[in-house]
Amino acid sequence: MLFRSLADGLSALFKGLLTVEKPAGGMQLIAGLPDGAGDTAIVSALARRGVLARPLSGFYLGGEKGRGLLLGFAGYAPGEIEKGLAELRKVLPA
């Protein structure tokens, strides 16, 4: 189950930087960001590096918005995912 192993890998690789929700299935993961991290800025930085992600805050209509990344993995080879994760690590605040 790729999604579970990817979620476990993200949790280990980004411990303290991302909170990864482990789905029962699907093609996307939600990775929560720590307080103060701007998901739109991170998504923009990723796009400049050729990595596609969506800011979770864009899915909220009102009130306090959650901050995180919607990360899709369907249709990508493991090597492409690893490259994307390496770029994500470079743009996340320490």
Protein backbone atom coordinates (compact mmCIF):
# COMPACT_ATOMS: atom_id res chain seq x y z
CA MET A 1 0.00 0.00 0.00
CA LEU A 2 1.93 2.95 -1.36
CA PHE A 3 -0.08 5.59 0.50
CA ARG A 4 0.64 4.07 3.92
CA SER A 5 4.37 3.62 3.26
CA LEU A 6 4.55 7.15 1.86
CA ALA A 7 2.77 8.52 4.93
CA ASP A 8 5.14 6.61 7.23
CA GLY A 9 8.14 7.85 5.25
CA LEU A 10 6.96 11.46 5.37
CA SER A 11 6.35 11.21 9.10
CA ALA A 12 9.88 9.91 9.69
CA LEU A 13 11.65 12.21 7.21
CA PHE A 14 9.87 15.38 8.32
CA LYS A 15 9.45 14.64 12.02
CA GLY A 16 8.57 17.87 13.79
CA LEU A 17 8.08 19.74 10.51
CA LEU A 18 4.99 18.01 9.12
CA THR A 19 2.05 16.23 10.68
CA VAL A 20 1.01 13.58 8.20
CA GLU A 21 -2.51 12.19 8.23
CA LYS A 22 -2.47 8.53 7.28
CA PRO A 23 -5.36 7.82 4.95
CA ALA A 24 -7.11 4.49 4.63
CA GLY A 25 -6.60 4.82 0.88
CA GLY A 26 -6.57 7.31 -1.91
CA MET A 27 -4.26 9.30 -4.14
CA GLN A 28 -3.38 12.24 -1.89
CA LEU A 29 -2.00 12.94 1.55
CA ILE A 30 -2.51 15.89 3.85
CA ALA A 31 0.60 17.16 5.58
CA GLY A 32 -0.08 19.70 8.31
CA LEU A 33 2.42 22.50 8.87
CA PRO A 34 3.56 23.93 12.20
CA ASP A 35 2.14 27.22 13.45
CA GLY A 36 3.52 30.19 11.58
CA ALA A 37 4.41 28.27 8.42
CA GLY A 38 2.72 29.73 5.35
CA ASP A 39 1.37 27.02 3.09
CA THR A 40 0.87 29.34 0.11
CA ALA A 41 4.48 30.51 0.27
CA ILE A 42 5.73 26.92 0.50
CA VAL A 43 3.56 25.87 -2.46
CA SER A 44 4.91 28.79 -4.50
CA ALA A 45 8.49 27.85 -3.65
CA LEU A 46 7.79 24.24 -4.62
CA ALA A 47 6.26 25.32 -7.94
CA ARG A 48 9.42 27.27 -8.78
CA ARG A 49 11.30 23.98 -8.23
CA GLY A 50 8.92 21.99 -10.43
CA VAL A 51 6.94 20.32 -7.62
CA LEU A 52 3.15 20.50 -7.56
CA ALA A 53 1.24 20.79 -4.29
CA ARG A 54 -1.87 22.60 -3.09
CA PRO A 55 -2.14 24.84 -0.02
CA LEU A 56 -4.65 23.41 2.43
CA SER A 57 -5.70 26.93 3.49
CA GLY A 58 -7.29 27.40 0.04
CA PHE A 59 -9.94 24.80 0.90
CA TYR A 60 -11.32 26.74 3.90
CA LEU A 61 -14.23 29.12 3.36
CA GLY A 62 -14.16 31.13 6.56
CA GLY A 63 -12.90 31.39 10.08
CA GLU A 64 -9.50 30.13 11.06
CA LYS A 65 -7.78 28.36 8.21
CA GLY A 66 -5.74 25.23 8.64
CA ARG A 67 -2.22 25.32 7.23
CA GLY A 68 -0.85 22.39 5.34
CA LEU A 69 -0.12 20.79 2.01
CA LEU A 70 -2.25 18.54 -0.14
CA LEU A 71 0.25 16.17 -1.75
CA GLY A 72 -0.81 13.93 -4.61
CA PHE A 73 1.20 10.83 -5.43
CA ALA A 74 -0.85 8.94 -8.05
CA GLY A 75 0.87 8.66 -11.39
CA TYR A 76 4.36 9.38 -10.07
CA ALA A 77 7.22 6.91 -10.00
CA PRO A 78 8.97 6.40 -6.63
CA GLY A 79 12.05 8.26 -7.91
CA GLU A 80 9.93 11.29 -8.83
CA ILE A 81 8.34 11.27 -5.40
CA GLU A 82 11.77 11.12 -3.75
CA LYS A 83 12.94 14.13 -5.79
CA GLY A 84 9.82 16.05 -4.82
CA LEU A 85 10.35 15.25 -1.14
CA ALA A 86 13.96 16.42 -1.37
CA GLU A 87 12.73 19.74 -2.77
CA LEU A 88 10.08 19.96 -0.06
CA ARG A 89 12.78 19.52 2.59
CA LYS A 90 14.72 22.45 1.09
CA VAL A 91 11.79 24.87 1.26
CA LEU A 92 10.34 23.99 4.66
CA PRO A 93 11.25 26.37 7.47
CA ALA A 94 13.68 24.78 9.92
